[in-house]
């Protein structure tokens, strides 16, 4: 068994209570993953979360902001991370545990515009601290093109 698989199994068994945390998966904020084909123009964007501080059980409202020159495409999926000991660790078990998957839906945002408003309901027992949400966006007109990670940070207090 690979060490990462063993470590993941140990962390799952400890239920994070013992201090084990998983590394976040997916693209980092601002990370550009090249595709098989180039984008049709400047691929740039961000994630905008409002409000910046949310109580446990509250709603995180967020939107993709297109800051580039191409139409962006993205799905309803989102990743959640938590700041722990100066680094980001996955918070997906804490935020999404017991919930069904994400519906397969496609969104878009034209250059200079905000995409659809999305909402995430936090669990009542979520730990206080600094969190971030991450999404992956791509050029809507270029299948197989590059992908960009976008994110924003919020506080649970």
N, C-alpha and C. Protein backbone atom coordinates (compact mmCIF):
# COMPACT_ATOMS: atom_id res chain seq x y z
N UNK A 1 0.86 -1.19 0.00
CA UNK A 1 0.00 0.00 0.00
C UNK A 1 0.89 1.24 0.00
N UNK A 2 0.54 2.22 -0.77
CA UNK A 2 1.31 3.46 -0.82
C UNK A 2 1.15 4.22 0.48
N UNK A 3 2.17 4.99 0.84
CA UNK A 3 2.11 5.76 2.09
C UNK A 3 0.92 6.71 2.12
N UNK A 4 0.62 7.36 0.99
CA UNK A 4 -0.51 8.29 0.98
C UNK A 4 -1.82 7.57 1.24
N UNK A 5 -1.97 6.36 0.69
CA UNK A 5 -3.17 5.57 0.94
C UNK A 5 -3.27 5.16 2.38
N UNK A 6 -2.14 4.77 2.97
CA UNK A 6 -2.11 4.38 4.38
C UNK A 6 -2.42 5.57 5.26
N UNK A 7 -1.81 6.71 4.97
CA UNK A 7 -2.06 7.92 5.74
C UNK A 7 -3.53 8.32 5.64
N UNK A 8 -4.10 8.25 4.44
CA UNK A 8 -5.52 8.58 4.26
C UNK A 8 -6.40 7.66 5.07
N UNK A 9 -6.07 6.38 5.10
CA UNK A 9 -6.86 5.43 5.89
C UNK A 9 -6.75 5.74 7.37
N UNK A 10 -5.55 6.09 7.83
CA UNK A 10 -5.38 6.43 9.24
C UNK A 10 -6.13 7.70 9.60
N UNK A 11 -6.09 8.69 8.72
CA UNK A 11 -6.81 9.94 8.96
C UNK A 11 -8.31 9.69 9.01
N UNK A 12 -8.81 8.88 8.10
CA UNK A 12 -10.24 8.59 8.09
C UNK A 12 -10.64 7.88 9.38
N UNK A 13 -9.79 6.97 9.84
CA UNK A 13 -10.09 6.24 11.07
C UNK A 13 -10.08 7.17 12.27
N UNK A 14 -9.21 8.17 12.23
CA UNK A 14 -9.12 9.11 13.35
C UNK A 14 -10.17 10.20 13.28
N UNK A 15 -10.89 10.26 12.16
CA UNK A 15 -11.96 11.25 11.96
C UNK A 15 -11.51 12.68 12.17
N UNK A 16 -10.30 12.96 11.79
CA UNK A 16 -9.72 14.30 11.83
C UNK A 16 -9.57 14.81 13.26
N UNK A 17 -10.24 14.22 14.22
CA UNK A 17 -10.17 14.67 15.61
C UNK A 17 -8.75 14.58 16.15
N UNK A 18 -7.99 13.63 15.68
CA UNK A 18 -6.62 13.46 16.16
C UNK A 18 -5.63 14.36 15.43
N UNK A 19 -6.10 15.22 14.56
CA UNK A 19 -5.22 16.17 13.90
C UNK A 19 -4.86 15.80 12.47
N UNK A 20 -5.31 14.68 11.93
CA UNK A 20 -5.02 14.33 10.54
C UNK A 20 -5.95 15.14 9.64
N UNK A 21 -5.43 15.66 8.58
CA UNK A 21 -6.22 16.40 7.59
C UNK A 21 -5.75 16.01 6.21
N UNK A 22 -6.67 15.98 5.27
CA UNK A 22 -6.32 15.64 3.90
C UNK A 22 -5.85 16.88 3.16
N UNK A 23 -4.94 16.68 2.23
CA UNK A 23 -4.51 17.75 1.34
C UNK A 23 -5.66 18.11 0.41
N UNK A 24 -5.86 19.39 0.13
CA UNK A 24 -6.91 19.77 -0.82
C UNK A 24 -6.61 19.23 -2.21
N UNK A 25 -7.66 18.77 -2.90
CA UNK A 25 -7.54 18.32 -4.28
C UNK A 25 -8.05 19.41 -5.20
N UNK A 26 -7.72 19.32 -6.47
CA UNK A 26 -8.19 20.30 -7.45
C UNK A 26 -7.18 21.41 -7.67
N UNK A 27 -7.56 22.38 -8.50
CA UNK A 27 -6.67 23.49 -8.83
C UNK A 27 -6.59 24.48 -7.67
N UNK A 28 -5.40 25.00 -7.43
CA UNK A 28 -5.21 26.04 -6.42
C UNK A 28 -5.71 27.38 -6.97
N UNK A 29 -5.86 28.34 -6.10
CA UNK A 29 -6.31 29.67 -6.51
C UNK A 29 -5.33 30.26 -7.51
N UNK A 30 -5.84 30.65 -8.67
CA UNK A 30 -5.01 31.26 -9.69
C UNK A 30 -4.19 30.27 -10.51
N UNK A 31 -4.28 28.97 -10.19
CA UNK A 31 -3.52 27.97 -10.94
C UNK A 31 -4.15 27.75 -12.31
N UNK A 32 -3.33 27.81 -13.35
CA UNK A 32 -3.79 27.60 -14.71
C UNK A 32 -3.26 26.25 -15.19
N UNK A 33 -4.18 25.37 -15.54
CA UNK A 33 -3.80 24.05 -16.05
C UNK A 33 -3.94 24.08 -17.56
N UNK A 34 -2.83 23.89 -18.29
CA UNK A 34 -2.90 23.92 -19.74
C UNK A 34 -3.82 22.82 -20.28
N UNK A 35 -4.45 23.09 -21.39
CA UNK A 35 -5.30 22.10 -22.04
C UNK A 35 -4.64 21.58 -23.30
N UNK A 36 -5.37 20.76 -24.00
CA UNK A 36 -4.87 20.25 -25.28
C UNK A 36 -4.89 21.33 -26.34
N UNK A 37 -5.74 22.34 -26.12
CA UNK A 37 -5.87 23.44 -27.06
C UNK A 37 -5.75 24.75 -26.29
N UNK A 38 -5.25 25.81 -26.92
CA UNK A 38 -5.15 27.10 -26.23
C UNK A 38 -6.53 27.74 -26.06
N UNK A 39 -6.63 28.64 -25.09
CA UNK A 39 -7.86 29.41 -24.90
C UNK A 39 -8.03 30.36 -26.09
N UNK A 40 -9.26 30.81 -26.31
CA UNK A 40 -9.53 31.73 -27.42
C UNK A 40 -9.15 33.16 -27.06
N UNK A 41 -8.78 33.42 -25.82
CA UNK A 41 -8.38 34.74 -25.36
C UNK A 41 -7.89 34.65 -23.93
N UNK A 42 -7.83 35.79 -23.25
CA UNK A 42 -7.33 35.86 -21.88
C UNK A 42 -8.32 35.18 -20.92
N UNK A 43 -7.89 34.11 -20.26
CA UNK A 43 -8.71 33.36 -19.30
C UNK A 43 -8.36 33.87 -17.91
N UNK A 44 -9.29 34.59 -17.28
CA UNK A 44 -9.04 35.16 -15.96
C UNK A 44 -10.36 35.31 -15.22
N UNK A 45 -10.33 35.10 -13.94
CA UNK A 45 -11.54 35.23 -13.14
C UNK A 45 -11.25 35.12 -11.67
N UNK A 46 -12.29 35.27 -10.86
CA UNK A 46 -12.17 35.16 -9.42
C UNK A 46 -13.50 34.65 -8.86
N UNK A 47 -13.49 34.30 -7.59
CA UNK A 47 -14.70 33.91 -6.89
C UNK A 47 -14.98 35.00 -5.87
N UNK A 48 -16.21 35.42 -5.76
CA UNK A 48 -16.59 36.50 -4.84
C UNK A 48 -17.58 35.94 -3.83
N UNK A 49 -17.19 35.95 -2.55
CA UNK A 49 -18.04 35.44 -1.46
C UNK A 49 -18.61 36.62 -0.68
N UNK A 50 -19.89 36.51 -0.33
CA UNK A 50 -20.54 37.55 0.46
C UNK A 50 -21.57 36.90 1.38
N UNK A 51 -21.63 37.24 2.63
CA UNK A 51 -20.74 38.15 3.36
C UNK A 51 -19.43 37.47 3.69
N UNK A 52 -18.48 38.21 4.24
CA UNK A 52 -17.16 37.68 4.55
C UNK A 52 -17.10 36.90 5.85
N UNK A 53 -18.07 37.12 6.73
CA UNK A 53 -18.15 36.38 8.00
C UNK A 53 -19.52 35.75 8.10
N UNK A 54 -19.54 34.46 8.41
CA UNK A 54 -20.79 33.69 8.41
C UNK A 54 -20.86 32.87 9.69
N UNK A 55 -22.03 32.80 10.29
CA UNK A 55 -22.23 32.00 11.50
C UNK A 55 -22.42 30.53 11.12
N UNK A 56 -22.08 29.61 12.02
CA UNK A 56 -22.40 28.21 11.77
C UNK A 56 -23.89 28.06 11.44
N UNK A 57 -24.22 27.25 10.45
CA UNK A 57 -25.60 27.11 10.00
C UNK A 57 -26.03 28.19 9.02
N UNK A 58 -25.15 29.14 8.74
CA UNK A 58 -25.47 30.25 7.85
C UNK A 58 -25.24 29.90 6.39
N UNK A 59 -25.58 30.85 5.52
CA UNK A 59 -25.45 30.65 4.07
C UNK A 59 -24.25 31.41 3.53
N UNK A 60 -23.41 30.69 2.78
CA UNK A 60 -22.31 31.29 2.05
C UNK A 60 -22.82 31.54 0.64
N UNK A 61 -22.85 32.80 0.23
CA UNK A 61 -23.28 33.14 -1.13
C UNK A 61 -22.05 33.51 -1.93
N UNK A 62 -21.95 32.95 -3.12
CA UNK A 62 -20.75 33.18 -3.94
C UNK A 62 -21.10 33.21 -5.42
N UNK A 63 -20.24 33.91 -6.18
CA UNK A 63 -20.41 34.03 -7.63
C UNK A 63 -19.04 34.05 -8.29
N UNK A 64 -18.98 33.53 -9.50
CA UNK A 64 -17.78 33.63 -10.31
C UNK A 64 -17.80 35.00 -10.99
N UNK A 65 -16.65 35.68 -10.97
CA UNK A 65 -16.51 36.96 -11.67
C UNK A 65 -15.54 36.75 -12.82
N UNK A 66 -15.99 37.04 -14.03
CA UNK A 66 -15.16 36.90 -15.21
C UNK A 66 -14.33 38.17 -15.39
N UNK A 67 -13.02 38.05 -15.22
CA UNK A 67 -12.11 39.18 -15.34
C UNK A 67 -11.24 39.06 -16.60
N UNK A 68 -11.62 38.16 -17.49
CA UNK A 68 -10.85 37.93 -18.71
C UNK A 68 -11.59 38.37 -19.95
N UNK A 69 -11.14 37.85 -21.08
CA UNK A 69 -11.69 38.27 -22.37
C UNK A 69 -12.48 37.17 -23.07
N UNK A 70 -12.70 36.03 -22.39
CA UNK A 70 -13.46 34.92 -22.99
C UNK A 70 -14.63 34.56 -22.08
N UNK A 71 -15.68 34.00 -22.69
CA UNK A 71 -16.81 33.51 -21.89
C UNK A 71 -16.33 32.35 -21.02
N UNK A 72 -16.66 32.39 -19.72
CA UNK A 72 -16.27 31.32 -18.81
C UNK A 72 -17.38 30.28 -18.70
N UNK A 73 -16.99 29.04 -18.53
CA UNK A 73 -17.92 27.94 -18.26
C UNK A 73 -17.45 27.27 -16.97
N UNK A 74 -18.42 26.84 -16.14
CA UNK A 74 -18.09 26.16 -14.89
C UNK A 74 -19.32 25.41 -14.41
N UNK A 75 -19.10 24.49 -13.51
CA UNK A 75 -20.19 23.68 -12.99
C UNK A 75 -20.62 24.13 -11.61
N UNK A 76 -21.58 23.40 -11.06
CA UNK A 76 -22.10 23.71 -9.72
C UNK A 76 -21.19 23.20 -8.62
N UNK A 77 -20.22 22.35 -8.97
CA UNK A 77 -19.34 21.78 -7.95
C UNK A 77 -18.45 22.85 -7.34
N UNK A 78 -18.11 22.66 -6.07
CA UNK A 78 -17.26 23.59 -5.34
C UNK A 78 -16.45 22.77 -4.33
N UNK A 79 -15.25 23.21 -4.06
CA UNK A 79 -14.39 22.56 -3.05
C UNK A 79 -14.25 23.48 -1.86
N UNK A 80 -14.12 22.89 -0.67
CA UNK A 80 -14.00 23.67 0.57
C UNK A 80 -12.71 23.28 1.28
N UNK A 81 -11.96 24.29 1.74
CA UNK A 81 -10.73 24.09 2.50
C UNK A 81 -10.80 24.92 3.77
N UNK A 82 -10.00 24.53 4.76
CA UNK A 82 -9.93 25.25 6.03
C UNK A 82 -8.47 25.54 6.34
N UNK A 83 -8.20 26.73 6.87
CA UNK A 83 -6.84 27.08 7.28
C UNK A 83 -6.53 26.32 8.57
N UNK A 84 -5.39 25.60 8.56
CA UNK A 84 -4.98 24.82 9.72
C UNK A 84 -3.47 24.85 9.82
N UNK A 85 -2.95 25.34 10.92
CA UNK A 85 -1.50 25.41 11.15
C UNK A 85 -0.76 26.10 10.01
N UNK A 86 -1.32 27.17 9.48
CA UNK A 86 -0.67 27.96 8.45
C UNK A 86 -0.79 27.45 7.03
N UNK A 87 -1.58 26.39 6.82
CA UNK A 87 -1.77 25.85 5.47
C UNK A 87 -3.21 25.44 5.26
N UNK A 88 -3.57 25.20 4.00
CA UNK A 88 -4.93 24.80 3.66
C UNK A 88 -5.06 23.29 3.70
N UNK A 89 -6.12 22.82 4.34
CA UNK A 89 -6.45 21.39 4.38
C UNK A 89 -7.89 21.23 3.92
N UNK A 90 -8.21 20.08 3.42
CA UNK A 90 -9.57 19.84 2.94
C UNK A 90 -10.57 19.93 4.10
N UNK A 91 -11.68 20.63 3.86
CA UNK A 91 -12.77 20.71 4.83
C UNK A 91 -14.02 20.06 4.26
N UNK A 92 -13.85 19.28 3.21
CA UNK A 92 -15.01 18.72 2.51
C UNK A 92 -15.82 17.77 3.38
N UNK A 93 -15.17 16.95 4.22
CA UNK A 93 -15.91 16.05 5.10
C UNK A 93 -16.76 16.84 6.08
N UNK A 94 -16.17 17.87 6.66
CA UNK A 94 -16.89 18.68 7.65
C UNK A 94 -18.03 19.47 7.02
N UNK A 95 -17.81 20.02 5.84
CA UNK A 95 -18.81 20.88 5.19
C UNK A 95 -19.89 20.07 4.47
N UNK A 96 -19.49 18.99 3.79
CA UNK A 96 -20.43 18.28 2.92
C UNK A 96 -20.90 16.92 3.43
N UNK A 97 -20.39 16.44 4.56
CA UNK A 97 -20.74 15.10 5.02
C UNK A 97 -22.25 14.94 5.20
N UNK A 98 -22.75 13.81 4.73
CA UNK A 98 -24.18 13.52 4.86
C UNK A 98 -25.04 14.15 3.79
N UNK A 99 -24.43 14.83 2.86
CA UNK A 99 -25.20 15.47 1.78
C UNK A 99 -25.06 14.65 0.51
N UNK A 100 -26.07 14.71 -0.30
CA UNK A 100 -26.00 14.05 -1.61
C UNK A 100 -25.06 14.84 -2.50
N UNK A 101 -24.67 14.28 -3.63
CA UNK A 101 -23.72 14.91 -4.55
C UNK A 101 -24.24 16.20 -5.14
N UNK A 102 -23.43 16.75 -6.02
CA UNK A 102 -23.76 18.00 -6.70
C UNK A 102 -24.46 17.66 -8.01
N UNK A 103 -25.50 18.40 -8.31
CA UNK A 103 -26.19 18.18 -9.58
C UNK A 103 -25.30 18.62 -10.74
N UNK A 104 -25.45 17.97 -11.87
CA UNK A 104 -24.66 18.32 -13.05
C UNK A 104 -25.35 19.48 -13.76
N UNK A 105 -24.82 20.65 -13.54
CA UNK A 105 -25.40 21.84 -14.15
C UNK A 105 -24.25 22.71 -14.65
N UNK A 106 -24.46 23.39 -15.74
CA UNK A 106 -23.44 24.24 -16.29
C UNK A 106 -23.82 25.71 -16.18
N UNK A 107 -22.85 26.52 -15.78
CA UNK A 107 -23.04 27.96 -15.67
C UNK A 107 -22.07 28.65 -16.63
N UNK A 108 -22.31 29.92 -16.86
CA UNK A 108 -21.42 30.71 -17.69
C UNK A 108 -21.38 32.15 -17.21
N UNK A 109 -20.31 32.84 -17.58
CA UNK A 109 -20.18 34.27 -17.26
C UNK A 109 -19.44 34.93 -18.42
N UNK A 110 -20.04 35.96 -18.98
CA UNK A 110 -19.43 36.71 -20.07
C UNK A 110 -18.32 37.61 -19.51
N UNK A 111 -17.39 38.05 -20.35
CA UNK A 111 -16.32 38.93 -19.89
C UNK A 111 -16.87 40.15 -19.14
N UNK A 112 -16.29 40.41 -17.97
CA UNK A 112 -16.69 41.56 -17.15
C UNK A 112 -17.93 41.34 -16.33
N UNK A 113 -18.54 40.18 -16.38
CA UNK A 113 -19.80 39.94 -15.67
C UNK A 113 -19.64 38.94 -14.54
N UNK A 114 -20.63 38.96 -13.64
CA UNK A 114 -20.73 37.97 -12.57
C UNK A 114 -21.62 36.83 -13.04
N UNK A 115 -21.25 35.61 -12.69
CA UNK A 115 -22.06 34.45 -13.02
C UNK A 115 -23.22 34.30 -12.05
N UNK A 116 -23.88 33.16 -12.14
CA UNK A 116 -25.05 32.86 -11.31
C UNK A 116 -24.69 32.90 -9.83
N UNK A 117 -25.64 33.34 -9.01
CA UNK A 117 -25.45 33.33 -7.56
C UNK A 117 -25.65 31.90 -7.07
N UNK A 118 -24.66 31.40 -6.33
CA UNK A 118 -24.73 30.07 -5.77
C UNK A 118 -24.72 30.19 -4.24
N UNK A 119 -25.27 29.20 -3.56
CA UNK A 119 -25.38 29.24 -2.11
C UNK A 119 -24.95 27.91 -1.51
N UNK A 120 -24.20 27.98 -0.43
CA UNK A 120 -23.79 26.81 0.33
C UNK A 120 -24.27 27.00 1.76
N UNK A 121 -25.06 26.08 2.26
CA UNK A 121 -25.54 26.12 3.64
C UNK A 121 -24.52 25.41 4.52
N UNK A 122 -23.96 26.13 5.48
CA UNK A 122 -22.98 25.55 6.39
C UNK A 122 -23.67 24.68 7.43
N UNK A 123 -23.03 23.60 7.87
CA UNK A 123 -23.59 22.79 8.95
C UNK A 123 -23.65 23.60 10.26
N UNK A 124 -24.56 23.27 11.13
CA UNK A 124 -24.70 23.94 12.43
C UNK A 124 -23.45 23.74 13.30
N UNK A 125 -22.77 22.60 13.12
CA UNK A 125 -21.63 22.27 13.98
C UNK A 125 -20.28 22.54 13.32
N UNK A 126 -20.24 23.36 12.28
CA UNK A 126 -18.97 23.65 11.61
C UNK A 126 -18.07 24.42 12.56
N UNK A 127 -16.78 24.08 12.57
CA UNK A 127 -15.80 24.75 13.42
C UNK A 127 -15.60 26.20 12.98
N UNK A 128 -15.35 27.09 13.93
CA UNK A 128 -15.03 28.46 13.57
C UNK A 128 -13.62 28.48 12.97
N UNK A 129 -13.34 29.49 12.16
CA UNK A 129 -12.03 29.62 11.54
C UNK A 129 -12.12 30.21 10.15
N UNK A 130 -11.00 30.15 9.44
CA UNK A 130 -10.90 30.68 8.09
C UNK A 130 -11.08 29.55 7.09
N UNK A 131 -11.96 29.77 6.13
CA UNK A 131 -12.26 28.78 5.09
C UNK A 131 -12.11 29.44 3.73
N UNK A 132 -12.01 28.60 2.70
CA UNK A 132 -12.06 29.11 1.34
C UNK A 132 -12.88 28.14 0.49
N UNK A 133 -13.53 28.69 -0.52
CA UNK A 133 -14.21 27.89 -1.52
C UNK A 133 -13.42 28.02 -2.81
N UNK A 134 -13.36 26.91 -3.58
CA UNK A 134 -12.63 26.89 -4.85
C UNK A 134 -13.49 26.27 -5.93
N UNK A 135 -13.38 26.84 -7.12
CA UNK A 135 -14.06 26.31 -8.31
C UNK A 135 -13.05 26.29 -9.46
N UNK A 136 -13.38 25.52 -10.48
CA UNK A 136 -12.58 25.48 -11.70
C UNK A 136 -13.41 26.03 -12.84
N UNK A 137 -12.83 26.97 -13.59
CA UNK A 137 -13.51 27.57 -14.74
C UNK A 137 -12.69 27.29 -16.00
N UNK A 138 -13.36 27.40 -17.14
CA UNK A 138 -12.67 27.18 -18.42
C UNK A 138 -13.28 28.08 -19.48
N UNK A 139 -12.64 28.11 -20.63
CA UNK A 139 -13.11 28.86 -21.80
C UNK A 139 -14.33 28.14 -22.37
N UNK A 140 -15.48 28.78 -22.35
CA UNK A 140 -16.72 28.15 -22.80
C UNK A 140 -16.67 27.73 -24.27
N UNK A 141 -15.90 28.43 -25.07
CA UNK A 141 -15.86 28.15 -26.50
C UNK A 141 -14.72 27.23 -26.91
N UNK A 142 -13.94 26.72 -25.98
CA UNK A 142 -12.77 25.93 -26.33
C UNK A 142 -12.76 24.63 -25.53
N UNK A 143 -13.45 23.62 -26.04
CA UNK A 143 -13.42 22.30 -25.41
C UNK A 143 -11.99 21.79 -25.40
N UNK A 144 -11.56 21.24 -24.28
CA UNK A 144 -10.20 20.75 -24.16
C UNK A 144 -9.19 21.85 -23.92
N UNK A 145 -9.68 23.06 -23.65
CA UNK A 145 -8.80 24.18 -23.39
C UNK A 145 -8.32 24.22 -21.94
N UNK A 146 -7.57 25.25 -21.59
CA UNK A 146 -7.03 25.36 -20.23
C UNK A 146 -8.13 25.56 -19.19
N UNK A 147 -7.79 25.25 -17.95
CA UNK A 147 -8.70 25.43 -16.82
C UNK A 147 -8.01 26.32 -15.79
N UNK A 148 -8.82 27.12 -15.08
CA UNK A 148 -8.29 28.06 -14.10
C UNK A 148 -8.99 27.84 -12.76
N UNK A 149 -8.20 27.79 -11.68
CA UNK A 149 -8.77 27.70 -10.33
C UNK A 149 -9.07 29.08 -9.79
N UNK A 150 -10.29 29.28 -9.29
CA UNK A 150 -10.68 30.56 -8.68
C UNK A 150 -11.15 30.28 -7.25
N UNK A 151 -10.95 31.24 -6.34
CA UNK A 151 -11.35 31.03 -4.95
C UNK A 151 -11.56 32.34 -4.23
N UNK A 152 -12.15 32.22 -3.05
CA UNK A 152 -12.26 33.35 -2.13
C UNK A 152 -12.33 32.79 -0.72
N UNK A 153 -12.06 33.64 0.25
CA UNK A 153 -11.93 33.25 1.66
C UNK A 153 -13.08 33.85 2.45
N UNK A 154 -13.52 33.14 3.49
CA UNK A 154 -14.52 33.65 4.42
C UNK A 154 -14.22 33.14 5.82
N UNK A 155 -14.79 33.79 6.80
CA UNK A 155 -14.62 33.40 8.21
C UNK A 155 -15.92 32.80 8.73
N UNK A 156 -15.78 31.77 9.54
CA UNK A 156 -16.91 31.22 10.29
C UNK A 156 -16.69 31.64 11.74
N UNK A 157 -17.65 32.39 12.26
CA UNK A 157 -17.52 32.90 13.64
C UNK A 157 -18.87 32.89 14.34
